[in-house]
Amino acid sequence: VAVTTNGGSTNYAESAKGRFTISRDNAENTVYLQMNSLKPED
């Protein structure tokens, strides 16, 4: 669906572009996926 590198680069599947956002909190060793405009096919 989405990936983020240690350098901060991100990449998304076509189905996720414009709706999903991946982010990372390195201090908390946590990665997030914000999903908006969700569809049944998600």
Full PDB file with SEQRES, HELIX, SHEET, SSBOND, CRYST1, ORIGX, SCALE, CONECT and MASTER records, all heavy atoms in Angstrom:
SEQRES   1 A   42  VAL ALA VAL THR THR ASN GLY GLY SER THR ASN TYR ALA          
SEQRES   2 A   42  GLU SER ALA LYS GLY ARG PHE THR ILE SER ARG ASP ASN          
SEQRES   3 A   42  ALA GLU ASN THR VAL TYR LEU GLN MET ASN SER LEU LYS          
SEQRES   4 A   42  PRO GLU ASP                                                  
HELIX    1 AA1 ASN A   26  GLU A   28  5                                   3    
SHEET    1 AA1 2 ALA A   2  THR A   4  0                                        
SHEET    2 AA1 2 THR A  10  TYR A  12 -1                                        
SHEET    1 AA2 2 PHE A  20  ASP A  25  0                                        
SHEET    2 AA2 2 THR A  30  MET A  35 -1                                        
CRYST1    1.000    1.000    1.000  90.00  90.00  90.00 P 1           1          
ORIGX1      1.000000  0.000000  0.000000        0.00000                         
ORIGX2      0.000000  1.000000  0.000000        0.00000                         
ORIGX3      0.000000  0.000000  1.000000        0.00000                         
SCALE1      1.000000  0.000000  0.000000        0.00000                         
SCALE2      0.000000  1.000000  0.000000        0.00000                         
SCALE3      0.000000  0.000000  1.000000        0.00000                         
ATOM      1  N   VAL A   1       0.837  -1.201   0.000  1.00  0.00           N  
ATOM      2  CA  VAL A   1       0.000   0.000   0.000  1.00  0.00           C  
ATOM      3  C   VAL A   1       0.875   1.255   0.000  1.00  0.00           C  
ATOM      4  O   VAL A   1       0.687   2.163  -0.804  1.00  0.00           O  
ATOM      5  CB  VAL A   1      -0.931   0.015   1.219  1.00  0.00           C  
ATOM      6  CG1 VAL A   1      -1.716   1.318   1.275  1.00  0.00           C  
ATOM      7  CG2 VAL A   1      -1.871  -1.182   1.201  1.00  0.00           C  
ATOM      8  N   ALA A   2       1.830   1.292   0.924  1.00  0.00           N  
ATOM      9  CA  ALA A   2       2.692   2.465   1.035  1.00  0.00           C  
ATOM     10  C   ALA A   2       3.954   2.079   1.784  1.00  0.00           C  
ATOM     11  O   ALA A   2       3.946   1.150   2.596  1.00  0.00           O  
ATOM     12  CB  ALA A   2       1.985   3.601   1.754  1.00  0.00           C  
ATOM     13  N   VAL A   3       5.035   2.798   1.496  1.00  0.00           N  
ATOM     14  CA  VAL A   3       6.299   2.532   2.161  1.00  0.00           C  
ATOM     15  C   VAL A   3       7.030   3.856   2.360  1.00  0.00           C  
ATOM     16  O   VAL A   3       6.886   4.788   1.552  1.00  0.00           O  
ATOM     17  CB  VAL A   3       7.160   1.546   1.344  1.00  0.00           C  
ATOM     18  CG1 VAL A   3       7.525   2.124  -0.007  1.00  0.00           C  
ATOM     19  CG2 VAL A   3       8.391   1.114   2.126  1.00  0.00           C  
ATOM     20  N   THR A   4       7.792   3.929   3.453  1.00  0.00           N  
ATOM     21  CA  THR A   4       8.624   5.102   3.711  1.00  0.00           C  
ATOM     22  C   THR A   4      10.008   4.639   4.144  1.00  0.00           C  
ATOM     23  O   THR A   4      10.128   3.732   4.969  1.00  0.00           O  
ATOM     24  CB  THR A   4       7.991   6.023   4.767  1.00  0.00           C  
ATOM     25  OG1 THR A   4       8.864   7.142   5.010  1.00  0.00           O  
ATOM     26  CG2 THR A   4       7.728   5.303   6.078  1.00  0.00           C  
ATOM     27  N   THR A   5      11.033   5.256   3.587  1.00  0.00           N  
ATOM     28  CA  THR A   5      12.399   4.865   3.901  1.00  0.00           C  
ATOM     29  C   THR A   5      12.939   5.663   5.081  1.00  0.00           C  
ATOM     30  O   THR A   5      12.335   6.663   5.514  1.00  0.00           O  
ATOM     31  CB  THR A   5      13.317   5.100   2.697  1.00  0.00           C  
ATOM     32  OG1 THR A   5      13.432   6.523   2.483  1.00  0.00           O  
ATOM     33  CG2 THR A   5      12.772   4.445   1.441  1.00  0.00           C  
ATOM     34  N   ASN A   6      14.075   5.242   5.581  1.00  0.00           N  
ATOM     35  CA  ASN A   6      14.725   5.980   6.675  1.00  0.00           C  
ATOM     36  C   ASN A   6      15.075   7.401   6.245  1.00  0.00           C  
ATOM     37  O   ASN A   6      15.121   8.313   7.076  1.00  0.00           O  
ATOM     38  CB  ASN A   6      15.984   5.263   7.129  1.00  0.00           C  
ATOM     39  CG  ASN A   6      15.688   3.994   7.895  1.00  0.00           C  
ATOM     40  OD1 ASN A   6      14.536   3.655   8.141  1.00  0.00           O  
ATOM     41  ND2 ASN A   6      16.731   3.271   8.260  1.00  0.00           N  
ATOM     42  N   GLY A   7      15.275   7.584   4.946  1.00  0.00           N  
ATOM     43  CA  GLY A   7      15.602   8.912   4.434  1.00  0.00           C  
ATOM     44  C   GLY A   7      14.401   9.805   4.209  1.00  0.00           C  
ATOM     45  O   GLY A   7      14.554  10.981   3.869  1.00  0.00           O  
ATOM     46  N   GLY A   8      13.212   9.236   4.400  1.00  0.00           N  
ATOM     47  CA  GLY A   8      12.001  10.040   4.276  1.00  0.00           C  
ATOM     48  C   GLY A   8      11.284   9.919   2.946  1.00  0.00           C  
ATOM     49  O   GLY A   8      10.233  10.526   2.753  1.00  0.00           O  
ATOM     50  N   SER A   9      11.827   9.139   2.031  1.00  0.00           N  
ATOM     51  CA  SER A   9      11.126   8.932   0.758  1.00  0.00           C  
ATOM     52  C   SER A   9       9.886   8.080   0.978  1.00  0.00           C  
ATOM     53  O   SER A   9       9.858   7.227   1.854  1.00  0.00           O  
ATOM     54  CB  SER A   9      12.047   8.246  -0.245  1.00  0.00           C  
ATOM     55  OG  SER A   9      13.189   9.024  -0.501  1.00  0.00           O  
ATOM     56  N   THR A  10       8.869   8.344   0.181  1.00  0.00           N  
ATOM     57  CA  THR A  10       7.632   7.572   0.278  1.00  0.00           C  
ATOM     58  C   THR A  10       7.222   7.071  -1.095  1.00  0.00           C  
ATOM     59  O   THR A  10       7.567   7.670  -2.121  1.00  0.00           O  
ATOM     60  CB  THR A  10       6.488   8.405   0.868  1.00  0.00           C  
ATOM     61  OG1 THR A  10       6.272   9.556   0.043  1.00  0.00           O  
ATOM     62  CG2 THR A  10       6.806   8.858   2.279  1.00  0.00           C  
ATOM     63  N   ASN A  11       6.471   5.996  -1.085  1.00  0.00           N  
ATOM     64  CA  ASN A  11       5.953   5.444  -2.324  1.00  0.00           C  
ATOM     65  C   ASN A  11       4.595   4.830  -2.023  1.00  0.00           C  
ATOM     66  O   ASN A  11       4.406   4.232  -0.954  1.00  0.00           O  
ATOM     67  CB  ASN A  11       6.902   4.385  -2.892  1.00  0.00           C  
ATOM     68  CG  ASN A  11       6.625   4.090  -4.344  1.00  0.00           C  
ATOM     69  OD1 ASN A  11       6.054   4.923  -5.049  1.00  0.00           O  
ATOM     70  ND2 ASN A  11       7.042   2.930  -4.802  1.00  0.00           N  
ATOM     71  N   TYR A  12       3.675   4.990  -2.966  1.00  0.00           N  
ATOM     72  CA  TYR A  12       2.308   4.531  -2.763  1.00  0.00           C  
ATOM     73  C   TYR A  12       1.840   3.680  -3.927  1.00  0.00           C  
ATOM     74  O   TYR A  12       2.219   3.913  -5.077  1.00  0.00           O  
ATOM     75  CB  TYR A  12       1.358   5.730  -2.642  1.00  0.00           C  
ATOM     76  CG  TYR A  12       1.586   6.598  -1.438  1.00  0.00           C  
ATOM     77  CD1 TYR A  12       2.449   7.685  -1.499  1.00  0.00           C  
ATOM     78  CD2 TYR A  12       0.917   6.338  -0.242  1.00  0.00           C  
ATOM     79  CE1 TYR A  12       2.660   8.494  -0.395  1.00  0.00           C  
ATOM     80  CE2 TYR A  12       1.119   7.144   0.872  1.00  0.00           C  
ATOM     81  CZ  TYR A  12       1.993   8.217   0.788  1.00  0.00           C  
ATOM     82  OH  TYR A  12       2.195   9.012   1.887  1.00  0.00           O  
ATOM     83  N   ALA A  13       0.974   2.731  -3.616  1.00  0.00           N  
ATOM     84  CA  ALA A  13       0.260   2.027  -4.665  1.00  0.00           C  
ATOM     85  C   ALA A  13      -0.687   3.009  -5.340  1.00  0.00           C  
ATOM     86  O   ALA A  13      -1.130   3.988  -4.720  1.00  0.00           O  
ATOM     87  CB  ALA A  13      -0.527   0.867  -4.069  1.00  0.00           C  
ATOM     88  N   GLU A  14      -0.992   2.746  -6.600  1.00  0.00           N  
ATOM     89  CA  GLU A  14      -1.882   3.655  -7.330  1.00  0.00           C  
ATOM     90  C   GLU A  14      -3.220   3.815  -6.610  1.00  0.00           C  
ATOM     91  O   GLU A  14      -3.787   4.909  -6.578  1.00  0.00           O  
ATOM     92  CB  GLU A  14      -2.092   3.127  -8.746  1.00  0.00           C  
ATOM     93  CG  GLU A  14      -0.924   3.354  -9.690  1.00  0.00           C  
ATOM     94  CD  GLU A  14      -0.618   4.827  -9.897  1.00  0.00           C  
ATOM     95  OE1 GLU A  14      -1.585   5.620  -9.992  1.00  0.00           O  
ATOM     96  OE2 GLU A  14       0.572   5.181  -9.960  1.00  0.00           O  
ATOM     97  N   SER A  15      -3.704   2.743  -6.033  1.00  0.00           N  
ATOM     98  CA  SER A  15      -5.003   2.780  -5.359  1.00  0.00           C  
ATOM     99  C   SER A  15      -4.990   3.644  -4.113  1.00  0.00           C  
ATOM    100  O   SER A  15      -6.039   4.060  -3.624  1.00  0.00           O  
ATOM    101  CB  SER A  15      -5.430   1.362  -4.992  1.00  0.00           C  
ATOM    102  OG  SER A  15      -4.483   0.767  -4.122  1.00  0.00           O  
ATOM    103  N   ALA A  16      -3.795   3.928  -3.582  1.00  0.00           N  
ATOM    104  CA  ALA A  16      -3.669   4.691  -2.349  1.00  0.00           C  
ATOM    105  C   ALA A  16      -3.332   6.169  -2.583  1.00  0.00           C  
ATOM    106  O   ALA A  16      -3.553   7.004  -1.700  1.00  0.00           O  
ATOM    107  CB  ALA A  16      -2.591   4.074  -1.455  1.00  0.00           C  
ATOM    108  N   LYS A  17      -2.835   6.467  -3.736  1.00  0.00           N  
ATOM    109  CA  LYS A  17      -2.401   7.844  -4.022  1.00  0.00           C  
ATOM    110  C   LYS A  17      -3.569   8.831  -3.902  1.00  0.00           C  
ATOM    111  O   LYS A  17      -4.647   8.599  -4.428  1.00  0.00           O  
ATOM    112  CB  LYS A  17      -1.788   7.916  -5.419  1.00  0.00           C  
ATOM    113  CG  LYS A  17      -0.430   7.261  -5.521  1.00  0.00           C  
ATOM    114  CD  LYS A  17       0.132   7.381  -6.930  1.00  0.00           C  
ATOM    115  CE  LYS A  17       1.505   6.715  -7.008  1.00  0.00           C  
ATOM    116  NZ  LYS A  17       2.057   6.773  -8.389  1.00  0.00           N  
ATOM    117  N   GLY A  18      -3.313   9.902  -3.191  1.00  0.00           N  
ATOM    118  CA  GLY A  18      -4.315  10.939  -3.016  1.00  0.00           C  
ATOM    119  C   GLY A  18      -5.292  10.696  -1.883  1.00  0.00           C  
ATOM    120  O   GLY A  18      -6.041  11.602  -1.503  1.00  0.00           O  
ATOM    121  N   ARG A  19      -5.293   9.479  -1.347  1.00  0.00           N  
ATOM    122  CA  ARG A  19      -6.217   9.161  -0.252  1.00  0.00           C  
ATOM    123  C   ARG A  19      -5.490   8.752   1.025  1.00  0.00           C  
ATOM    124  O   ARG A  19      -5.967   9.026   2.126  1.00  0.00           O  
ATOM    125  CB  ARG A  19      -7.168   8.038  -0.668  1.00  0.00           C  
ATOM    126  CG  ARG A  19      -8.031   8.359  -1.871  1.00  0.00           C  
ATOM    127  CD  ARG A  19      -9.087   7.266  -2.093  1.00  0.00           C  
ATOM    128  NE  ARG A  19      -8.481   5.962  -2.333  1.00  0.00           N  
ATOM    129  CZ  ARG A  19      -8.807   4.852  -1.669  1.00  0.00           C  
ATOM    130  NH1 ARG A  19      -9.717   4.898  -0.711  1.00  0.00           N  
ATOM    131  NH2 ARG A  19      -8.201   3.700  -1.957  1.00  0.00           N  
ATOM    132  N   PHE A  20      -4.382   8.057   0.875  1.00  0.00           N  
ATOM    133  CA  PHE A  20      -3.643   7.543   2.028  1.00  0.00           C  
ATOM    134  C   PHE A  20      -2.341   8.325   2.196  1.00  0.00           C  
ATOM    135  O   PHE A  20      -1.724   8.744   1.206  1.00  0.00           O  
ATOM    136  CB  PHE A  20      -3.294   6.069   1.836  1.00  0.00           C  
ATOM    137  CG  PHE A  20      -4.478   5.137   1.791  1.00  0.00           C  
ATOM    138  CD1 PHE A  20      -5.778   5.592   1.887  1.00  0.00           C  
ATOM    139  CD2 PHE A  20      -4.262   3.768   1.652  1.00  0.00           C  
ATOM    140  CE1 PHE A  20      -6.855   4.723   1.843  1.00  0.00           C  
ATOM    141  CE2 PHE A  20      -5.328   2.886   1.614  1.00  0.00           C  
ATOM    142  CZ  PHE A  20      -6.624   3.368   1.692  1.00  0.00           C  
ATOM    143  N   THR A  21      -1.923   8.477   3.442  1.00  0.00           N  
ATOM    144  CA  THR A  21      -0.648   9.131   3.740  1.00  0.00           C  
ATOM    145  C   THR A  21       0.114   8.304   4.760  1.00  0.00           C  
ATOM    146  O   THR A  21      -0.419   8.005   5.834  1.00  0.00           O  
ATOM    147  CB  THR A  21      -0.861  10.543   4.287  1.00  0.00           C  
ATOM    148  OG1 THR A  21      -1.605  11.319   3.349  1.00  0.00           O  
ATOM    149  CG2 THR A  21       0.481  11.226   4.531  1.00  0.00           C  
ATOM    150  N   ILE A  22       1.342   7.967   4.422  1.00  0.00           N  
ATOM    151  CA  ILE A  22       2.201   7.254   5.358  1.00  0.00           C  
ATOM    152  C   ILE A  22       3.129   8.256   6.021  1.00  0.00           C  
ATOM    153  O   ILE A  22       3.630   9.186   5.374  1.00  0.00           O  
ATOM    154  CB  ILE A  22       2.990   6.125   4.653  1.00  0.00           C  
ATOM    155  CG1 ILE A  22       3.697   5.237   5.678  1.00  0.00           C  
ATOM    156  CG2 ILE A  22       3.963   6.678   3.612  1.00  0.00           C  
ATOM    157  CD1 ILE A  22       4.273   3.955   5.088  1.00  0.00           C  
ATOM    158  N   SER A  23       3.328   8.094   7.312  1.00  0.00           N  
ATOM    159  CA  SER A  23       4.231   8.971   8.045  1.00  0.00           C  
ATOM    160  C   SER A  23       4.941   8.167   9.127  1.00  0.00           C  
ATOM    161  O   SER A  23       4.519   7.045   9.456  1.00  0.00           O  
ATOM    162  CB  SER A  23       3.473  10.153   8.654  1.00  0.00           C  
ATOM    163  OG  SER A  23       2.491   9.712   9.565  1.00  0.00           O  
ATOM    164  N   ARG A  24       5.963   8.765   9.664  1.00  0.00           N  
ATOM    165  CA  ARG A  24       6.801   8.016  10.596  1.00  0.00           C  
ATOM    166  C   ARG A  24       7.289   8.932  11.707  1.00  0.00           C  
ATOM    167  O   ARG A  24       7.664  10.077  11.449  1.00  0.00           O  
ATOM    168  CB  ARG A  24       7.984   7.424   9.823  1.00  0.00           C  
ATOM    169  CG  ARG A  24       8.794   6.376  10.530  1.00  0.00           C  
ATOM    170  CD  ARG A  24       9.693   5.704   9.509  1.00  0.00           C  
ATOM    171  NE  ARG A  24      10.711   4.892  10.136  1.00  0.00           N  
ATOM    172  CZ  ARG A  24      11.669   4.252   9.470  1.00  0.00           C  
ATOM    173  NH1 ARG A  24      11.716   4.332   8.160  1.00  0.00           N  
ATOM    174  NH2 ARG A  24      12.558   3.532  10.117  1.00  0.00           N  
ATOM    175  N   ASP A  25       7.248   8.429  12.914  1.00  0.00           N  
ATOM    176  CA  ASP A  25       7.797   9.123  14.077  1.00  0.00           C  
ATOM    177  C   ASP A  25       8.998   8.310  14.527  1.00  0.00           C  
ATOM    178  O   ASP A  25       8.853   7.301  15.215  1.00  0.00           O  
ATOM    179  CB  ASP A  25       6.739   9.227  15.170  1.00  0.00           C  
ATOM    180  CG  ASP A  25       7.229  10.020  16.377  1.00  0.00           C  
ATOM    181  OD1 ASP A  25       8.453  10.121  16.581  1.00  0.00           O  
ATOM    182  OD2 ASP A  25       6.373  10.509  17.115  1.00  0.00           O  
ATOM    183  N   ASN A  26      10.172   8.739  14.134  1.00  0.00           N  
ATOM    184  CA  ASN A  26      11.369   7.960  14.438  1.00  0.00           C  
ATOM    185  C   ASN A  26      11.665   7.917  15.929  1.00  0.00           C  
ATOM    186  O   ASN A  26      12.200   6.925  16.434  1.00  0.00           O  
ATOM    187  CB  ASN A  26      12.566   8.522  13.679  1.00  0.00           C  
ATOM    188  CG  ASN A  26      12.461   8.289  12.191  1.00  0.00           C  
ATOM    189  OD1 ASN A  26      12.013   7.240  11.749  1.00  0.00           O  
ATOM    190  ND2 ASN A  26      12.872   9.271  11.400  1.00  0.00           N  
ATOM    191  N   ALA A  27      11.307   8.981  16.632  1.00  0.00           N  
ATOM    192  CA  ALA A  27      11.555   9.001  18.074  1.00  0.00           C  
ATOM    193  C   ALA A  27      10.738   7.948  18.802  1.00  0.00           C  
ATOM    194  O   ALA A  27      11.160   7.418  19.830  1.00  0.00           O  
ATOM    195  CB  ALA A  27      11.248  10.387  18.628  1.00  0.00           C  
ATOM    196  N   GLU A  28       9.557   7.646  18.245  1.00  0.00           N  
ATOM    197  CA  GLU A  28       8.660   6.660  18.862  1.00  0.00           C  
ATOM    198  C   GLU A  28       8.694   5.324  18.132  1.00  0.00           C  
ATOM    199  O   GLU A  28       7.941   4.416  18.495  1.00  0.00           O  
ATOM    200  CB  GLU A  28       7.223   7.195  18.869  1.00  0.00           C  
ATOM    201  CG  GLU A  28       7.055   8.484  19.670  1.00  0.00           C  
ATOM    202  CD  GLU A  28       7.276   8.269  21.155  1.00  0.00           C  
ATOM    203  OE1 GLU A  28       7.038   7.138  21.650  1.00  0.00           O  
ATOM    204  OE2 GLU A  28       7.692   9.228  21.839  1.00  0.00           O  
ATOM    205  N   ASN A  29       9.559   5.219  17.107  1.00  0.00           N  
ATOM    206  CA  ASN A  29       9.647   3.972  16.315  1.00  0.00           C  
ATOM    207  C   ASN A  29       8.269   3.540  15.817  1.00  0.00           C  
ATOM    208  O   ASN A  29       7.906   2.361  15.882  1.00  0.00           O  
ATOM    209  CB  ASN A  29      10.288   2.853  17.140  1.00  0.00           C  
ATOM    210  CG  ASN A  29      11.708   3.172  17.529  1.00  0.00           C  
ATOM    211  OD1 ASN A  29      12.470   3.723  16.733  1.00  0.00           O  
ATOM    212  ND2 ASN A  29      12.070   2.862  18.763  1.00  0.00           N  
ATOM    213  N   THR A  30       7.511   4.509  15.346  1.00  0.00           N  
ATOM    214  CA  THR A  30       6.139   4.271  14.946  1.00  0.00           C  
ATOM    215  C   THR A  30       5.912   4.751  13.515  1.00  0.00           C  
ATOM    216  O   THR A  30       6.404   5.809  13.133  1.00  0.00           O  
ATOM    217  CB  THR A  30       5.162   4.996  15.884  1.00  0.00           C  
ATOM    218  OG1 THR A  30       5.383   4.532  17.226  1.00  0.00           O  
ATOM    219  CG2 THR A  30       3.718   4.732  15.501  1.00  0.00           C  
ATOM    220  N   VAL A  31       5.171   3.963  12.764  1.00  0.00           N  
ATOM    221  CA  VAL A  31       4.753   4.365  11.430  1.00  0.00           C  
ATOM    222  C   VAL A  31       3.228   4.389  11.397  1.00  0.00           C  
ATOM    223  O   VAL A  31       2.568   3.559  12.043  1.00  0.00           O  
ATOM    224  CB  VAL A  31       5.325   3.414  10.346  1.00  0.00           C  
ATOM    225  CG1 VAL A  31       4.791   2.002  10.495  1.00  0.00           C  
ATOM    226  CG2 VAL A  31       5.082   3.962   8.956  1.00  0.00           C  
ATOM    227  N   TYR A  32       2.707   5.372  10.703  1.00  0.00           N  
ATOM    228  CA  TYR A  32       1.261   5.568  10.624  1.00  0.00           C  
ATOM    229  C   TYR A  32       0.792   5.455   9.172  1.00  0.00           C  
ATOM    230  O   TYR A  32       1.546   5.715   8.242  1.00  0.00           O  
ATOM    231  CB  TYR A  32       0.882   6.954  11.139  1.00  0.00           C  
ATOM    232  CG  TYR A  32       1.321   7.234  12.547  1.00  0.00           C  
ATOM    233  CD1 TYR A  32       2.491   7.930  12.808  1.00  0.00           C  
ATOM    234  CD2 TYR A  32       0.551   6.809  13.630  1.00  0.00           C  
ATOM    235  CE1 TYR A  32       2.904   8.197  14.096  1.00  0.00           C  
ATOM    236  CE2 TYR A  32       0.959   7.073  14.935  1.00  0.00           C  
ATOM    237  CZ  TYR A  32       2.124   7.764  15.157  1.00  0.00           C  
ATOM    238  OH  TYR A  32       2.527   8.025  16.445  1.00  0.00           O  
ATOM    239  N   LEU A  33      -0.468   5.091   9.035  1.00  0.00           N  
ATOM    240  CA  LEU A  33      -1.118   5.143   7.730  1.00  0.00           C  
ATOM    241  C   LEU A  33      -2.458   5.848   7.925  1.00  0.00           C  
ATOM    242  O   LEU A  33      -3.372   5.287   8.525  1.00  0.00           O  
ATOM    243  CB  LEU A  33      -1.321   3.757   7.129  1.00  0.00           C  
ATOM    244  CG  LEU A  33      -1.896   3.750   5.716  1.00  0.00           C  
ATOM    245  CD1 LEU A  33      -0.879   4.328   4.722  1.00  0.00           C  
ATOM    246  CD2 LEU A  33      -2.305   2.337   5.287  1.00  0.00           C  
ATOM    247  N   GLN A  34      -2.533   7.074   7.456  1.00  0.00           N  
ATOM    248  CA  GLN A  34      -3.775   7.823   7.485  1.00  0.00           C  
ATOM    249  C   GLN A  34      -4.552   7.506   6.218  1.00  0.00           C  
ATOM    250  O   GLN A  34      -4.058   7.718   5.112  1.00  0.00           O  
ATOM    251  CB  GLN A  34      -3.509   9.327   7.562  1.00  0.00           C  
ATOM    252  CG  GLN A  34      -4.760  10.189   7.535  1.00  0.00           C  
ATOM    253  CD  GLN A  34      -5.613  10.008   8.767  1.00  0.00           C  
ATOM    254  OE1 GLN A  34      -5.111   9.975   9.889  1.00  0.00           O  
ATOM    255  NE2 GLN A  34      -6.929   9.904   8.572  1.00  0.00           N  
ATOM    256  N   MET A  35      -5.741   6.980   6.390  1.00  0.00           N  
ATOM    257  CA  MET A  35      -6.557   6.569   5.255  1.00  0.00           C  
ATOM    258  C   MET A  35      -7.829   7.398   5.218  1.00  0.00           C  
ATOM    259  O   MET A  35      -8.622   7.360   6.167  1.00  0.00           O  
ATOM    260  CB  MET A  35      -6.900   5.083   5.356  1.00  0.00           C  
ATOM    261  CG  MET A  35      -5.681   4.180   5.479  1.00  0.00           C  
ATOM    262  SD  MET A  35      -6.073   2.429   5.427  1.00  0.00           S  
ATOM    263  CE  MET A  35      -6.980   2.246   6.961  1.00  0.00           C  
ATOM    264  N   ASN A  36      -8.002   8.154   4.159  1.00  0.00           N  
ATOM    265  CA  ASN A  36      -9.180   8.998   3.975  1.00  0.00           C  
ATOM    266  C   ASN A  36      -9.981   8.520   2.763  1.00  0.00           C  
ATOM    267  O   ASN A  36      -9.479   7.767   1.924  1.00  0.00           O  
ATOM    268  CB  ASN A  36      -8.754  10.447   3.771  1.00  0.00           C  
ATOM    269  CG  ASN A  36      -8.000  11.010   4.958  1.00  0.00           C  
ATOM    270  OD1 ASN A  36      -8.253  10.661   6.104  1.00  0.00           O  
ATOM    271  ND2 ASN A  36      -7.064  11.917   4.680  1.00  0.00           N  
ATOM    272  N   SER A  37     -11.199   8.979   2.678  1.00  0.00           N  
ATOM    273  CA  SER A  37     -12.078   8.629   1.551  1.00  0.00           C  
ATOM    274  C   SER A  37     -12.090   7.131   1.309  1.00  0.00           C  
ATOM    275  O   SER A  37     -11.931   6.658   0.172  1.00  0.00           O  
ATOM    276  CB  SER A  37     -11.619   9.376   0.285  1.00  0.00           C  
ATOM    277  OG  SER A  37     -11.614  10.764   0.493  1.00  0.00           O  
ATOM    278  N   LEU A  38     -12.273   6.393   2.363  1.00  0.00           N  
ATOM    279  CA  LEU A  38     -12.211   4.934   2.258  1.00  0.00           C  
ATOM    280  C   LEU A  38     -13.343   4.378   1.401  1.00  0.00           C  
ATOM    281  O   LEU A  38     -14.466   4.920   1.391  1.00  0.00           O  
ATOM    282  CB  LEU A  38     -12.241   4.305   3.643  1.00  0.00           C  
ATOM    283  CG  LEU A  38     -10.905   4.391   4.387  1.00  0.00           C  
ATOM    284  CD1 LEU A  38     -11.093   4.171   5.881  1.00  0.00           C  
ATOM    285  CD2 LEU A  38      -9.928   3.369   3.819  1.00  0.00           C  
ATOM    286  N   LYS A  39     -13.032   3.298   0.692  1.00  0.00           N  
ATOM    287  CA  LYS A  39     -13.980   2.643  -0.204  1.00  0.00           C  
ATOM    288  C   LYS A  39     -14.160   1.194   0.243  1.00  0.00           C  
ATOM    289  O   LYS A  39     -13.264   0.624   0.881  1.00  0.00           O  
ATOM    290  CB  LYS A  39     -13.431   2.657  -1.635  1.00  0.00           C  
ATOM    291  CG  LYS A  39     -13.059   4.028  -2.154  1.00  0.00           C  
ATOM    292  CD  LYS A  39     -12.398   3.922  -3.526  1.00  0.00           C  
ATOM    293  CE  LYS A  39     -11.968   5.285  -4.048  1.00  0.00           C  
ATOM    294  NZ  LYS A  39     -11.305   5.185  -5.371  1.00  0.00           N  
ATOM    295  N   PRO A  40     -15.270   0.579  -0.107  1.00  0.00           N  
ATOM    296  CA  PRO A  40     -15.456  -0.836   0.252  1.00  0.00           C  
ATOM    297  C   PRO A  40     -14.313  -1.724  -0.241  1.00  0.00           C  
ATOM    298  O   PRO A  40     -13.955  -2.694   0.436  1.00  0.00           O  
ATOM    299  CB  PRO A  40     -16.780  -1.183  -0.430  1.00  0.00           C  
ATOM    300  CG  PRO A  40     -17.531   0.104  -0.447  1.00  0.00           C  
ATOM    301  CD  PRO A  40     -16.487   1.156  -0.704  1.00  0.00           C  
ATOM    302  N   GLU A  41     -13.720  -1.385  -1.365  1.00  0.00           N  
ATOM    303  CA  GLU A  41     -12.620  -2.195  -1.893  1.00  0.00           C  
ATOM    304  C   GLU A  41     -11.332  -2.037  -1.094  1.00  0.00           C  
ATOM    305  O   GLU A  41     -10.354  -2.753  -1.350  1.00  0.00           O  
ATOM    306  CB  GLU A  41     -12.359  -1.877  -3.374  1.00  0.00           C  
ATOM    307  CG  GLU A  41     -12.217  -0.406  -3.680  1.00  0.00           C  
ATOM    308  CD  GLU A  41     -13.511   0.212  -4.183  1.00  0.00           C  
ATOM    309  OE1 GLU A  41     -14.584  -0.074  -3.598  1.00  0.00           O  
ATOM    310  OE2 GLU A  41     -13.432   1.007  -5.150  1.00  0.00           O  
ATOM    311  N   ASP A  42     -11.309  -1.133  -0.136  1.00  0.00           N  
ATOM    312  CA  ASP A  42     -10.165  -1.035   0.773  1.00  0.00           C  
ATOM    313  C   ASP A  42     -10.244  -2.055   1.911  1.00  0.00           C  
ATOM    314  O   ASP A  42      -9.305  -2.177   2.698  1.00  0.00           O  
ATOM    315  CB  ASP A  42     -10.076   0.373   1.374  1.00  0.00           C  
ATOM    316  CG  ASP A  42      -9.771   1.438   0.342  1.00  0.00           C  
ATOM    317  OD1 ASP A  42      -8.914   1.190  -0.526  1.00  0.00           O  
ATOM    318  OD2 ASP A  42     -10.402   2.512   0.405  1.00  0.00           O  
TER     319      ASP A  42                                                      
MASTER        0    0    0    1    4    0    0    6  318    1    0    4          
END                                                                             
